[in-house]
Amino acid sequence: MKQNNIKLYALALADVIAKKISLQEEKKVIYNFLKLLEKNGKLKNAKKIISLTQKYYLEKTGNKSIILQTARKTITKNLLKSLYKEGDIIEEKINPALIAGIKIIINNEKQLDFSLKNKLDNIF
């Protein structure tokens, strides 16, 4: 499948989802979208399309994708409410390699690394 087709599918889905529709309508749109991909023989590209759709959706809505990595299970999400707003996609990951602290990744680009591992790496 050409990259252009993937982009067109992703843009179309992002346009529809970015509109203020109910959760039930959103589920129906996604279900019908997957049926369309299956009908057109493009279901094998669904993962790429969905990933690109998320990117376009965030651009259209002005929201962010935020990954919070900690060394162990915490209540990080509540502690960092000032970082995100309603509509942002928050993902919490456990990464024991951090030893302690937190690593924040915003839109898979900007990284704030306050982990003990990062501090030790910078010292040595």
PDB file of N, CA and C in Angstrom:
ATOM      1  N   MET A   1       0.850  -1.178   0.000  1.00  0.00           N
ATOM      2  CA  MET A   1       0.000   0.000   0.000  1.00  0.00           C
ATOM      3  C   MET A   1       0.892   1.236   0.000  1.00  0.00           C
ATOM      4  N   LYS A   2       0.578   2.144  -0.843  1.00  0.00           N
ATOM      5  CA  LYS A   2       1.363   3.366  -0.921  1.00  0.00           C
ATOM      6  C   LYS A   2       1.183   4.191   0.344  1.00  0.00           C
ATOM      7  N   GLN A   3       2.238   4.926   0.699  1.00  0.00           N
ATOM      8  CA  GLN A   3       2.201   5.779   1.891  1.00  0.00           C
ATOM      9  C   GLN A   3       1.084   6.817   1.777  1.00  0.00           C
ATOM     10  N   ASN A   4       0.819   7.303   0.546  1.00  0.00           N
ATOM     11  CA  ASN A   4      -0.250   8.287   0.341  1.00  0.00           C
ATOM     12  C   ASN A   4      -1.608   7.741   0.741  1.00  0.00           C
ATOM     13  N   ASN A   5      -1.877   6.467   0.369  1.00  0.00           N
ATOM     14  CA  ASN A   5      -3.157   5.858   0.723  1.00  0.00           C
ATOM     15  C   ASN A   5      -3.299   5.722   2.233  1.00  0.00           C
ATOM     16  N   ILE A   6      -2.220   5.319   2.888  1.00  0.00           N
ATOM     17  CA  ILE A   6      -2.242   5.201   4.347  1.00  0.00           C
ATOM     18  C   ILE A   6      -2.552   6.561   4.959  1.00  0.00           C
ATOM     19  N   LYS A   7      -1.908   7.590   4.442  1.00  0.00           N
ATOM     20  CA  LYS A   7      -2.117   8.949   4.946  1.00  0.00           C
ATOM     21  C   LYS A   7      -3.568   9.389   4.735  1.00  0.00           C
ATOM     22  N   LEU A   8      -4.135   9.085   3.563  1.00  0.00           N
ATOM     23  CA  LEU A   8      -5.521   9.476   3.274  1.00  0.00           C
ATOM     24  C   LEU A   8      -6.506   8.781   4.213  1.00  0.00           C
ATOM     25  N   TYR A   9      -6.308   7.479   4.428  1.00  0.00           N
ATOM     26  CA  TYR A   9      -7.168   6.748   5.362  1.00  0.00           C
ATOM     27  C   TYR A   9      -7.060   7.362   6.760  1.00  0.00           C
ATOM     28  N   ALA A  10      -5.836   7.633   7.196  1.00  0.00           N
ATOM     29  CA  ALA A  10      -5.606   8.182   8.536  1.00  0.00           C
ATOM     30  C   ALA A  10      -6.225   9.571   8.679  1.00  0.00           C
ATOM     31  N   LEU A  11      -6.048  10.421   7.683  1.00  0.00           N
ATOM     32  CA  LEU A  11      -6.633  11.772   7.728  1.00  0.00           C
ATOM     33  C   LEU A  11      -8.154  11.712   7.776  1.00  0.00           C
ATOM     34  N   ALA A  12      -8.742  10.819   6.978  1.00  0.00           N
ATOM     35  CA  ALA A  12     -10.202  10.691   6.951  1.00  0.00           C
ATOM     36  C   ALA A  12     -10.736  10.259   8.315  1.00  0.00           C
ATOM     37  N   LEU A  13     -10.100   9.258   8.904  1.00  0.00           N
ATOM     38  CA  LEU A  13     -10.550   8.779  10.215  1.00  0.00           C
ATOM     39  C   LEU A  13     -10.343   9.845  11.286  1.00  0.00           C
ATOM     40  N   ALA A  14      -9.215  10.533  11.257  1.00  0.00           N
ATOM     41  CA  ALA A  14      -8.938  11.592  12.239  1.00  0.00           C
ATOM     42  C   ALA A  14      -9.950  12.725  12.118  1.00  0.00           C
ATOM     43  N   ASP A  15     -10.329  13.088  10.890  1.00  0.00           N
ATOM     44  CA  ASP A  15     -11.325  14.146  10.680  1.00  0.00           C
ATOM     45  C   ASP A  15     -12.647  13.802  11.349  1.00  0.00           C
ATOM     46  N   VAL A  16     -13.077  12.563  11.181  1.00  0.00           N
ATOM     47  CA  VAL A  16     -14.365  12.145  11.749  1.00  0.00           C
ATOM     48  C   VAL A  16     -14.290  12.070  13.267  1.00  0.00           C
ATOM     49  N   ILE A  17     -13.237  11.464  13.791  1.00  0.00           N
ATOM     50  CA  ILE A  17     -13.116  11.285  15.240  1.00  0.00           C
ATOM     51  C   ILE A  17     -12.905  12.619  15.960  1.00  0.00           C
ATOM     52  N   ALA A  18     -12.254  13.565  15.313  1.00  0.00           N
ATOM     53  CA  ALA A  18     -11.977  14.861  15.943  1.00  0.00           C
ATOM     54  C   ALA A  18     -13.249  15.676  16.163  1.00  0.00           C
ATOM     55  N   LYS A  19     -14.311  15.329  15.443  1.00  0.00           N
ATOM     56  CA  LYS A  19     -15.587  16.020  15.648  1.00  0.00           C
ATOM     57  C   LYS A  19     -16.154  15.586  16.990  1.00  0.00           C
ATOM     58  N   LYS A  20     -16.940  16.436  17.575  1.00  0.00           N
ATOM     59  CA  LYS A  20     -17.535  16.129  18.881  1.00  0.00           C
ATOM     60  C   LYS A  20     -18.661  15.115  18.702  1.00  0.00           C
ATOM     61  N   ILE A  21     -18.297  13.831  18.746  1.00  0.00           N
ATOM     62  CA  ILE A  21     -19.288  12.768  18.638  1.00  0.00           C
ATOM     63  C   ILE A  21     -19.260  11.948  19.920  1.00  0.00           C
ATOM     64  N   SER A  22     -20.342  11.244  20.161  1.00  0.00           N
ATOM     65  CA  SER A  22     -20.432  10.440  21.380  1.00  0.00           C
ATOM     66  C   SER A  22     -19.513   9.227  21.275  1.00  0.00           C
ATOM     67  N   LEU A  23     -19.237   8.634  22.413  1.00  0.00           N
ATOM     68  CA  LEU A  23     -18.384   7.447  22.459  1.00  0.00           C
ATOM     69  C   LEU A  23     -19.006   6.320  21.636  1.00  0.00           C
ATOM     70  N   GLN A  24     -20.321   6.190  21.711  1.00  0.00           N
ATOM     71  CA  GLN A  24     -21.027   5.151  20.951  1.00  0.00           C
ATOM     72  C   GLN A  24     -20.871   5.388  19.445  1.00  0.00           C
ATOM     73  N   GLU A  25     -21.000   6.644  19.013  1.00  0.00           N
ATOM     74  CA  GLU A  25     -20.823   6.972  17.595  1.00  0.00           C
ATOM     75  C   GLU A  25     -19.377   6.728  17.164  1.00  0.00           C
ATOM     76  N   GLU A  26     -18.446   7.064  18.044  1.00  0.00           N
ATOM     77  CA  GLU A  26     -17.031   6.859  17.739  1.00  0.00           C
ATOM     78  C   GLU A  26     -16.726   5.373  17.538  1.00  0.00           C
ATOM     79  N   LYS A  27     -17.277   4.533  18.412  1.00  0.00           N
ATOM     80  CA  LYS A  27     -17.081   3.087  18.279  1.00  0.00           C
ATOM     81  C   LYS A  27     -17.648   2.584  16.953  1.00  0.00           C
ATOM     82  N   LYS A  28     -18.820   3.107  16.581  1.00  0.00           N
ATOM     83  CA  LYS A  28     -19.459   2.709  15.326  1.00  0.00           C
ATOM     84  C   LYS A  28     -18.606   3.137  14.132  1.00  0.00           C
ATOM     85  N   VAL A  29     -18.070   4.352  14.176  1.00  0.00           N
ATOM     86  CA  VAL A  29     -17.210   4.857  13.097  1.00  0.00           C
ATOM     87  C   VAL A  29     -15.978   3.966  12.947  1.00  0.00           C
ATOM     88  N   ILE A  30     -15.345   3.631  14.059  1.00  0.00           N
ATOM     89  CA  ILE A  30     -14.136   2.802  14.008  1.00  0.00           C
ATOM     90  C   ILE A  30     -14.459   1.402  13.489  1.00  0.00           C
ATOM     91  N   TYR A  31     -15.574   0.846  13.953  1.00  0.00           N
ATOM     92  CA  TYR A  31     -16.001  -0.478  13.481  1.00  0.00           C
ATOM     93  C   TYR A  31     -16.221  -0.454  11.966  1.00  0.00           C
ATOM     94  N   ASN A  32     -16.959   0.549  11.490  1.00  0.00           N
ATOM     95  CA  ASN A  32     -17.224   0.663  10.053  1.00  0.00           C
ATOM     96  C   ASN A  32     -15.939   0.932   9.266  1.00  0.00           C
ATOM     97  N   PHE A  33     -15.033   1.690   9.860  1.00  0.00           N
ATOM     98  CA  PHE A  33     -13.757   1.971   9.206  1.00  0.00           C
ATOM     99  C   PHE A  33     -12.959   0.683   9.022  1.00  0.00           C
ATOM    100  N   LEU A  34     -12.920  -0.147  10.060  1.00  0.00           N
ATOM    101  CA  LEU A  34     -12.206  -1.425   9.967  1.00  0.00           C
ATOM    102  C   LEU A  34     -12.860  -2.348   8.938  1.00  0.00           C
ATOM    103  N   LYS A  35     -14.194  -2.317   8.853  1.00  0.00           N
ATOM    104  CA  LYS A  35     -14.894  -3.103   7.832  1.00  0.00           C
ATOM    105  C   LYS A  35     -14.526  -2.609   6.436  1.00  0.00           C
ATOM    106  N   LEU A  36     -14.391  -1.284   6.280  1.00  0.00           N
ATOM    107  CA  LEU A  36     -13.992  -0.702   4.998  1.00  0.00           C
ATOM    108  C   LEU A  36     -12.584  -1.156   4.613  1.00  0.00           C
ATOM    109  N   LEU A  37     -11.678  -1.133   5.582  1.00  0.00           N
ATOM    110  CA  LEU A  37     -10.315  -1.601   5.318  1.00  0.00           C
ATOM    111  C   LEU A  37     -10.319  -3.070   4.894  1.00  0.00           C
ATOM    112  N   GLU A  38     -11.130  -3.871   5.584  1.00  0.00           N
ATOM    113  CA  GLU A  38     -11.221  -5.293   5.252  1.00  0.00           C
ATOM    114  C   GLU A  38     -11.776  -5.475   3.835  1.00  0.00           C
ATOM    115  N   LYS A  39     -12.831  -4.747   3.520  1.00  0.00           N
ATOM    116  CA  LYS A  39     -13.466  -4.831   2.193  1.00  0.00           C
ATOM    117  C   LYS A  39     -12.477  -4.458   1.090  1.00  0.00           C
ATOM    118  N   ASN A  40     -11.640  -3.457   1.351  1.00  0.00           N
ATOM    119  CA  ASN A  40     -10.677  -2.984   0.357  1.00  0.00           C
ATOM    120  C   ASN A  40      -9.345  -3.736   0.413  1.00  0.00           C
ATOM    121  N   GLY A  41      -9.261  -4.756   1.272  1.00  0.00           N
ATOM    122  CA  GLY A  41      -8.042  -5.547   1.369  1.00  0.00           C
ATOM    123  C   GLY A  41      -6.881  -4.795   2.002  1.00  0.00           C
ATOM    124  N   LYS A  42      -7.187  -3.834   2.843  1.00  0.00           N
ATOM    125  CA  LYS A  42      -6.147  -2.995   3.449  1.00  0.00           C
ATOM    126  C   LYS A  42      -6.002  -3.237   4.952  1.00  0.00           C
ATOM    127  N   LEU A  43      -6.644  -4.269   5.460  1.00  0.00           N
ATOM    128  CA  LEU A  43      -6.630  -4.524   6.899  1.00  0.00           C
ATOM    129  C   LEU A  43      -5.213  -4.775   7.420  1.00  0.00           C
ATOM    130  N   LYS A  44      -4.337  -5.290   6.577  1.00  0.00           N
ATOM    131  CA  LYS A  44      -2.951  -5.542   7.004  1.00  0.00           C
ATOM    132  C   LYS A  44      -2.216  -4.244   7.336  1.00  0.00           C
ATOM    133  N   ASN A  45      -2.723  -3.112   6.864  1.00  0.00           N
ATOM    134  CA  ASN A  45      -2.114  -1.811   7.136  1.00  0.00           C
ATOM    135  C   ASN A  45      -2.798  -1.070   8.287  1.00  0.00           C
ATOM    136  N   ALA A  46      -3.725  -1.740   8.969  1.00  0.00           N
ATOM    137  CA  ALA A  46      -4.515  -1.084  10.016  1.00  0.00           C
ATOM    138  C   ALA A  46      -3.637  -0.485  11.115  1.00  0.00           C
ATOM    139  N   LYS A  47      -2.594  -1.192  11.518  1.00  0.00           N
ATOM    140  CA  LYS A  47      -1.735  -0.701  12.603  1.00  0.00           C
ATOM    141  C   LYS A  47      -1.069   0.621  12.218  1.00  0.00           C
ATOM    142  N   LYS A  48      -0.536   0.702  10.991  1.00  0.00           N
ATOM    143  CA  LYS A  48       0.090   1.938  10.515  1.00  0.00           C
ATOM    144  C   LYS A  48      -0.936   3.066  10.435  1.00  0.00           C
ATOM    145  N   ILE A  49      -2.113   2.731   9.913  1.00  0.00           N
ATOM    146  CA  ILE A  49      -3.167   3.739   9.744  1.00  0.00           C
ATOM    147  C   ILE A  49      -3.618   4.275  11.097  1.00  0.00           C
ATOM    148  N   ILE A  50      -3.843   3.397  12.060  1.00  0.00           N
ATOM    149  CA  ILE A  50      -4.294   3.813  13.392  1.00  0.00           C
ATOM    150  C   ILE A  50      -3.234   4.683  14.064  1.00  0.00           C
ATOM    151  N   SER A  51      -1.975   4.301  13.934  1.00  0.00           N
ATOM    152  CA  SER A  51      -0.888   5.087  14.525  1.00  0.00           C
ATOM    153  C   SER A  51      -0.836   6.493  13.930  1.00  0.00           C
ATOM    154  N   LEU A  52      -0.956   6.579  12.618  1.00  0.00           N
ATOM    155  CA  LEU A  52      -0.947   7.871  11.940  1.00  0.00           C
ATOM    156  C   LEU A  52      -2.209   8.672  12.273  1.00  0.00           C
ATOM    157  N   THR A  53      -3.331   7.967  12.433  1.00  0.00           N
ATOM    158  CA  THR A  53      -4.587   8.624  12.806  1.00  0.00           C
ATOM    159  C   THR A  53      -4.436   9.319  14.150  1.00  0.00           C
ATOM    160  N   GLN A  54      -3.792   8.654  15.104  1.00  0.00           N
ATOM    161  CA  GLN A  54      -3.586   9.255  16.424  1.00  0.00           C
ATOM    162  C   GLN A  54      -2.792  10.551  16.297  1.00  0.00           C
ATOM    163  N   LYS A  55      -1.754  10.532  15.474  1.00  0.00           N
ATOM    164  CA  LYS A  55      -0.926  11.727  15.271  1.00  0.00           C
ATOM    165  C   LYS A  55      -1.772  12.873  14.708  1.00  0.00           C
ATOM    166  N   TYR A  56      -2.546  12.584  13.659  1.00  0.00           N
ATOM    167  CA  TYR A  56      -3.373  13.625  13.037  1.00  0.00           C
ATOM    168  C   TYR A  56      -4.471  14.108  13.982  1.00  0.00           C
ATOM    169  N   TYR A  57      -5.049  13.178  14.748  1.00  0.00           N
ATOM    170  CA  TYR A  57      -6.090  13.542  15.714  1.00  0.00           C
ATOM    171  C   TYR A  57      -5.537  14.531  16.742  1.00  0.00           C
ATOM    172  N   LEU A  58      -4.358  14.233  17.266  1.00  0.00           N
ATOM    173  CA  LEU A  58      -3.744  15.117  18.262  1.00  0.00           C
ATOM    174  C   LEU A  58      -3.442  16.487  17.663  1.00  0.00           C
ATOM    175  N   GLU A  59      -2.989  16.525  16.417  1.00  0.00           N
ATOM    176  CA  GLU A  59      -2.726  17.806  15.750  1.00  0.00           C
ATOM    177  C   GLU A  59      -4.009  18.615  15.597  1.00  0.00           C
ATOM    178  N   LYS A  60      -5.082  17.956  15.169  1.00  0.00           N
ATOM    179  CA  LYS A  60      -6.357  18.646  14.930  1.00  0.00           C
ATOM    180  C   LYS A  60      -6.977  19.186  16.216  1.00  0.00           C
ATOM    181  N   THR A  61      -6.831  18.437  17.296  1.00  0.00           N
ATOM    182  CA  THR A  61      -7.476  18.827  18.549  1.00  0.00           C
ATOM    183  C   THR A  61      -6.572  19.653  19.455  1.00  0.00           C
ATOM    184  N   GLY A  62      -5.292  19.725  19.117  1.00  0.00           N
ATOM    185  CA  GLY A  62      -4.349  20.471  19.956  1.00  0.00           C
ATOM    186  C   GLY A  62      -3.970  19.727  21.225  1.00  0.00           C
ATOM    187  N   ASN A  63      -4.240  18.436  21.259  1.00  0.00           N
ATOM    188  CA  ASN A  63      -3.903  17.623  22.423  1.00  0.00           C
ATOM    189  C   ASN A  63      -2.514  17.023  22.278  1.00  0.00           C
ATOM    190  N   LYS A  64      -2.063  16.344  23.352  1.00  0.00           N
ATOM    191  CA  LYS A  64      -0.733  15.748  23.386  1.00  0.00           C
ATOM    192  C   LYS A  64      -0.824  14.270  23.741  1.00  0.00           C
ATOM    193  N   SER A  65       0.206  13.549  23.347  1.00  0.00           N
ATOM    194  CA  SER A  65       0.400  12.182  23.786  1.00  0.00           C
ATOM    195  C   SER A  65       1.520  12.233  24.820  1.00  0.00           C
ATOM    196  N   ILE A  66       1.232  11.779  26.029  1.00  0.00           N
ATOM    197  CA  ILE A  66       2.212  11.859  27.113  1.00  0.00           C
ATOM    198  C   ILE A  66       2.469  10.459  27.665  1.00  0.00           C
ATOM    199  N   ILE A  67       3.742  10.075  27.688  1.00  0.00           N
ATOM    200  CA  ILE A  67       4.134   8.792  28.273  1.00  0.00           C
ATOM    201  C   ILE A  67       4.880   9.088  29.568  1.00  0.00           C
ATOM    202  N   LEU A  68       4.386   8.528  30.657  1.00  0.00           N
ATOM    203  CA  LEU A  68       5.008   8.697  31.969  1.00  0.00           C
ATOM    204  C   LEU A  68       5.685   7.384  32.339  1.00  0.00           C
ATOM    205  N   GLN A  69       7.007   7.383  32.395  1.00  0.00           N
ATOM    206  CA  GLN A  69       7.756   6.182  32.764  1.00  0.00           C
ATOM    207  C   GLN A  69       8.288   6.331  34.180  1.00  0.00           C
ATOM    208  N   THR A  70       8.049   5.321  34.990  1.00  0.00           N
ATOM    209  CA  THR A  70       8.583   5.293  36.349  1.00  0.00           C
ATOM    210  C   THR A  70       9.199   3.921  36.601  1.00  0.00           C
ATOM    211  N   ALA A  71      10.033   3.834  37.615  1.00  0.00           N
ATOM    212  CA  ALA A  71      10.700   2.571  37.935  1.00  0.00           C
ATOM    213  C   ALA A  71       9.737   1.563  38.554  1.00  0.00           C
ATOM    214  N   ARG A  72       8.714   2.054  39.212  1.00  0.00           N
ATOM    215  CA  ARG A  72       7.724   1.173  39.829  1.00  0.00           C
ATOM    216  C   ARG A  72       6.354   1.831  39.796  1.00  0.00           C
ATOM    217  N   LYS A  73       5.333   1.073  40.098  1.00  0.00           N
ATOM    218  CA  LYS A  73       3.952   1.567  40.068  1.00  0.00           C
ATOM    219  C   LYS A  73       3.786   2.717  41.056  1.00  0.00           C
ATOM    220  N   THR A  74       3.260   3.839  40.553  1.00  0.00           N
ATOM    221  CA  THR A  74       3.018   5.002  41.412  1.00  0.00           C
ATOM    222  C   THR A  74       1.692   5.645  41.026  1.00  0.00           C
ATOM    223  N   ILE A  75       1.404   6.755  41.658  1.00  0.00           N
ATOM    224  CA  ILE A  75       0.206   7.524  41.317  1.00  0.00           C
ATOM    225  C   ILE A  75       0.621   8.762  40.522  1.00  0.00           C
ATOM    226  N   THR A  76       1.540   8.575  39.614  1.00  0.00           N
ATOM    227  CA  THR A  76       2.132   9.654  38.828  1.00  0.00           C
ATOM    228  C   THR A  76       1.093  10.501  38.117  1.00  0.00           C
ATOM    229  N   LYS A  77       0.099   9.859  37.548  1.00  0.00           N
ATOM    230  CA  LYS A  77      -0.911  10.559  36.749  1.00  0.00           C
ATOM    231  C   LYS A  77      -1.548  11.691  37.547  1.00  0.00           C
ATOM    232  N   ASN A  78      -1.885  11.426  38.792  1.00  0.00           N
ATOM    233  CA  ASN A  78      -2.516  12.447  39.634  1.00  0.00           C
ATOM    234  C   ASN A  78      -1.539  13.544  40.044  1.00  0.00           C
ATOM    235  N   LEU A  79      -0.274  13.183  40.224  1.00  0.00           N
ATOM    236  CA  LEU A  79       0.726  14.156  40.654  1.00  0.00           C
ATOM    237  C   LEU A  79       1.073  15.164  39.559  1.00  0.00           C
ATOM    238  N   LEU A  80       0.900  14.774  38.321  1.00  0.00           N
ATOM    239  CA  LEU A  80       1.335  15.618  37.206  1.00  0.00           C
ATOM    240  C   LEU A  80       0.169  16.196  36.400  1.00  0.00           C
ATOM    241  N   LYS A  81      -0.950  16.450  37.055  1.00  0.00           N
ATOM    242  CA  LYS A  81      -2.130  16.970  36.362  1.00  0.00           C
ATOM    243  C   LYS A  81      -1.871  18.283  35.639  1.00  0.00           C
ATOM    244  N   SER A  82      -0.916  19.070  36.113  1.00  0.00           N
ATOM    245  CA  SER A  82      -0.636  20.361  35.472  1.00  0.00           C
ATOM    246  C   SER A  82       0.013  20.191  34.098  1.00  0.00           C
ATOM    247  N   LEU A  83       0.530  19.002  33.804  1.00  0.00           N
ATOM    248  CA  LEU A  83       1.175  18.743  32.511  1.00  0.00           C
ATOM    249  C   LEU A  83       0.185  18.476  31.391  1.00  0.00           C
ATOM    250  N   TYR A  84      -0.988  18.006  31.736  1.00  0.00           N
ATOM    251  CA  TYR A  84      -1.916  17.608  30.689  1.00  0.00           C
ATOM    252  C   TYR A  84      -3.300  18.198  30.905  1.00  0.00           C
ATOM    253  N   LYS A  85      -4.083  18.133  29.818  1.00  0.00           N
ATOM    254  CA  LYS A  85      -5.449  18.641  29.866  1.00  0.00           C
ATOM    255  C   LYS A  85      -6.395  17.550  29.379  1.00  0.00           C
ATOM    256  N   GLU A  86      -7.662  17.803  29.518  1.00  0.00           N
ATOM    257  CA  GLU A  86      -8.658  16.845  29.063  1.00  0.00           C
ATOM    258  C   GLU A  86      -8.479  16.605  27.566  1.00  0.00           C
ATOM    259  N   GLY A  87      -8.490  15.357  27.175  1.00  0.00           N
ATOM    260  CA  GLY A  87      -8.309  15.010  25.772  1.00  0.00           C
ATOM    261  C   GLY A  87      -6.914  14.515  25.454  1.00  0.00           C
ATOM    262  N   ASP A  88      -5.946  14.812  26.329  1.00  0.00           N
ATOM    263  CA  ASP A  88      -4.592  14.302  26.122  1.00  0.00           C
ATOM    264  C   ASP A  88      -4.592  12.788  26.341  1.00  0.00           C
ATOM    265  N   ILE A  89      -3.723  12.110  25.646  1.00  0.00           N
ATOM    266  CA  ILE A  89      -3.601  10.663  25.794  1.00  0.00           C
ATOM    267  C   ILE A  89      -2.445  10.391  26.749  1.00  0.00           C
ATOM    268  N   ILE A  90      -2.762   9.820  27.908  1.00  0.00           N
ATOM    269  CA  ILE A  90      -1.767   9.558  28.946  1.00  0.00           C
ATOM    270  C   ILE A  90      -1.505   8.057  29.010  1.00  0.00           C
ATOM    271  N   GLU A  91      -0.244   7.684  28.920  1.00  0.00           N
ATOM    272  CA  GLU A  91       0.143   6.285  29.018  1.00  0.00           C
ATOM    273  C   GLU A  91       1.188   6.164  30.120  1.00  0.00           C
ATOM    274  N   GLU A  92       0.942   5.270  31.060  1.00  0.00           N
ATOM    275  CA  GLU A  92       1.890   5.051  32.150  1.00  0.00           C
ATOM    276  C   GLU A  92       2.629   3.741  31.908  1.00  0.00           C
ATOM    277  N   LYS A  93       3.956   3.789  31.995  1.00  0.00           N
ATOM    278  CA  LYS A  93       4.774   2.596  31.781  1.00  0.00           C
ATOM    279  C   LYS A  93       5.710   2.398  32.963  1.00  0.00           C
ATOM    280  N   ILE A  94       5.921   1.141  33.301  1.00  0.00           N
ATOM    281  CA  ILE A  94       6.885   0.783  34.336  1.00  0.00           C
ATOM    282  C   ILE A  94       8.189   0.422  33.624  1.00  0.00           C
ATOM    283  N   ASN A  95       9.280   1.083  34.013  1.00  0.00           N
ATOM    284  CA  ASN A  95      10.595   0.833  33.428  1.00  0.00           C
ATOM    285  C   ASN A  95      11.605   0.713  34.572  1.00  0.00           C
ATOM    286  N   PRO A  96      11.824  -0.510  35.079  1.00  0.00           N
ATOM    287  CA  PRO A  96      12.731  -0.705  36.214  1.00  0.00           C
ATOM    288  C   PRO A  96      14.146  -0.188  35.963  1.00  0.00           C
ATOM    289  N   ALA A  97      14.558  -0.073  34.710  1.00  0.00           N
ATOM    290  CA  ALA A  97      15.904   0.416  34.382  1.00  0.00           C
ATOM    291  C   ALA A  97      16.118   1.857  34.834  1.00  0.00           C
ATOM    292  N   LEU A  98      15.049   2.596  35.082  1.00  0.00           N
ATOM    293  CA  LEU A  98      15.181   3.987  35.533  1.00  0.00           C
ATOM    294  C   LEU A  98      15.700   4.078  36.967  1.00  0.00           C
ATOM    295  N   ILE A  99      15.630   3.006  37.718  1.00  0.00           N
ATOM    296  CA  ILE A  99      16.035   2.890  39.122  1.00  0.00           C
ATOM    297  C   ILE A  99      15.078   3.674  40.019  1.00  0.00           C
ATOM    298  N   ALA A 100      14.952   4.976  39.795  1.00  0.00           N
ATOM    299  CA  ALA A 100      14.019   5.822  40.554  1.00  0.00           C
ATOM    300  C   ALA A 100      13.751   7.070  39.720  1.00  0.00           C
ATOM    301  N   GLY A 101      12.745   7.828  40.113  1.00  0.00           N
ATOM    302  CA  GLY A 101      12.432   9.062  39.396  1.00  0.00           C
ATOM    303  C   GLY A 101      11.407   8.848  38.295  1.00  0.00           C
ATOM    304  N   ILE A 102      11.392   9.773  37.344  1.00  0.00           N
ATOM    305  CA  ILE A 102      10.396   9.733  36.277  1.00  0.00           C
ATOM    306  C   ILE A 102      11.000  10.231  34.966  1.00  0.00           C
ATOM    307  N   LYS A 103      10.484   9.687  33.887  1.00  0.00           N
ATOM    308  CA  LYS A 103      10.848  10.132  32.541  1.00  0.00           C
ATOM    309  C   LYS A 103       9.532  10.450  31.832  1.00  0.00           C
ATOM    310  N   ILE A 104       9.431  11.646  31.274  1.00  0.00           N
ATOM    311  CA  ILE A 104       8.206  12.092  30.613  1.00  0.00           C
ATOM    312  C   ILE A 104       8.507  12.308  29.132  1.00  0.00           C
ATOM    313  N   ILE A 105       7.722  11.678  28.279  1.00  0.00           N
ATOM    314  CA  ILE A 105       7.891  11.826  26.830  1.00  0.00           C
ATOM    315  C   ILE A 105       6.603  12.430  26.277  1.00  0.00           C
ATOM    316  N   ILE A 106       6.731  13.574  25.597  1.00  0.00           N
ATOM    317  CA  ILE A 106       5.568  14.280  25.061  1.00  0.00           C
ATOM    318  C   ILE A 106       5.607  14.216  23.540  1.00  0.00           C
ATOM    319  N   ASN A 107       4.521  13.704  22.950  1.00  0.00           N
ATOM    320  CA  ASN A 107       4.379  13.568  21.494  1.00  0.00           C
ATOM    321  C   ASN A 107       5.558  12.840  20.849  1.00  0.00           C
ATOM    322  N   ASN A 108       6.111  11.870  21.552  1.00  0.00           N
ATOM    323  CA  ASN A 108       7.253  11.085  21.066  1.00  0.00           C
ATOM    324  C   ASN A 108       8.426  11.950  20.614  1.00  0.00           C
ATOM    325  N   GLU A 109       8.506  13.174  21.094  1.00  0.00           N
ATOM    326  CA  GLU A 109       9.579  14.085  20.697  1.00  0.00           C
ATOM    327  C   GLU A 109      10.305  14.641  21.914  1.00  0.00           C
ATOM    328  N   LYS A 110       9.610  15.410  22.705  1.00  0.00           N
ATOM    329  CA  LYS A 110      10.208  16.098  23.848  1.00  0.00           C
ATOM    330  C   LYS A 110      10.334  15.126  25.016  1.00  0.00           C
ATOM    331  N   GLN A 111      11.529  15.072  25.616  1.00  0.00           N
ATOM    332  CA  GLN A 111      11.751  14.189  26.753  1.00  0.00           C
ATOM    333  C   GLN A 111      12.268  14.968  27.949  1.00  0.00           C
ATOM    334  N   LEU A 112      11.668  14.686  29.078  1.00  0.00           N
ATOM    335  CA  LEU A 112      12.135  15.237  30.347  1.00  0.00           C
ATOM    336  C   LEU A 112      12.541  14.033  31.189  1.00  0.00           C
ATOM    337  N   ASP A 113      13.825  13.908  31.463  1.00  0.00           N
ATOM    338  CA  ASP A 113      14.327  12.726  32.159  1.00  0.00           C
ATOM    339  C   ASP A 113      14.827  13.100  33.550  1.00  0.00           C
ATOM    340  N   PHE A 114      14.015  12.785  34.549  1.00  0.00           N
ATOM    341  CA  PHE A 114      14.357  13.055  35.943  1.00  0.00           C
ATOM    342  C   PHE A 114      14.622  11.745  36.682  1.00  0.00           C
ATOM    343  N   SER A 115      15.182  10.771  35.965  1.00  0.00           N
ATOM    344  CA  SER A 115      15.426   9.464  36.571  1.00  0.00           C
ATOM    345  C   SER A 115      16.810   9.415  37.216  1.00  0.00           C
ATOM    346  N   LEU A 116      16.944   8.532  38.184  1.00  0.00           N
ATOM    347  CA  LEU A 116      18.236   8.321  38.835  1.00  0.00           C
ATOM    348  C   LEU A 116      19.237   7.747  37.831  1.00  0.00           C
ATOM    349  N   LYS A 117      18.771   6.891  36.947  1.00  0.00           N
ATOM    350  CA  LYS A 117      19.650   6.317  35.922  1.00  0.00           C
ATOM    351  C   LYS A 117      20.269   7.424  35.073  1.00  0.00           C
ATOM    352  N   ASN A 118      19.478   8.390  34.642  1.00  0.00           N
ATOM    353  CA  ASN A 118      19.981   9.501  33.830  1.00  0.00           C
ATOM    354  C   ASN A 118      21.022  10.310  34.603  1.00  0.00           C
ATOM    355  N   LYS A 119      20.756  10.551  35.877  1.00  0.00           N
ATOM    356  CA  LYS A 119      21.705  11.318  36.698  1.00  0.00           C
ATOM    357  C   LYS A 119      23.018  10.562  36.861  1.00  0.00           C
ATOM    358  N   LEU A 120      22.931   9.255  37.086  1.00  0.00           N
ATOM    359  CA  LEU A 120      24.142   8.436  37.209  1.00  0.00           C
ATOM    360  C   LEU A 120      24.905   8.385  35.886  1.00  0.00           C
ATOM    361  N   ASP A 121      24.180   8.263  34.775  1.00  0.00           N
ATOM    362  CA  ASP A 121      24.824   8.253  33.453  1.00  0.00           C
ATOM    363  C   ASP A 121      25.559   9.564  33.189  1.00  0.00           C
ATOM    364  N   ASN A 122      24.992  10.669  33.632  1.00  0.00           N
ATOM    365  CA  ASN A 122      25.619  11.980  33.421  1.00  0.00           C
ATOM    366  C   ASN A 122      26.854  12.182  34.299  1.00  0.00           C
ATOM    367  N   ILE A 123      26.875  11.531  35.457  1.00  0.00           N
ATOM    368  CA  ILE A 123      28.019  11.652  36.362  1.00  0.00           C
ATOM    369  C   ILE A 123      29.192  10.825  35.848  1.00  0.00           C
ATOM    370  N   PHE A 124      28.902   9.613  35.388  1.00  0.00           N
ATOM    371  CA  PHE A 124      29.971   8.703  34.968  1.00  0.00           C
ATOM    372  C   PHE A 124      30.030   8.704  33.500  1.00  0.00           C
TER     373      PHE A 124
END
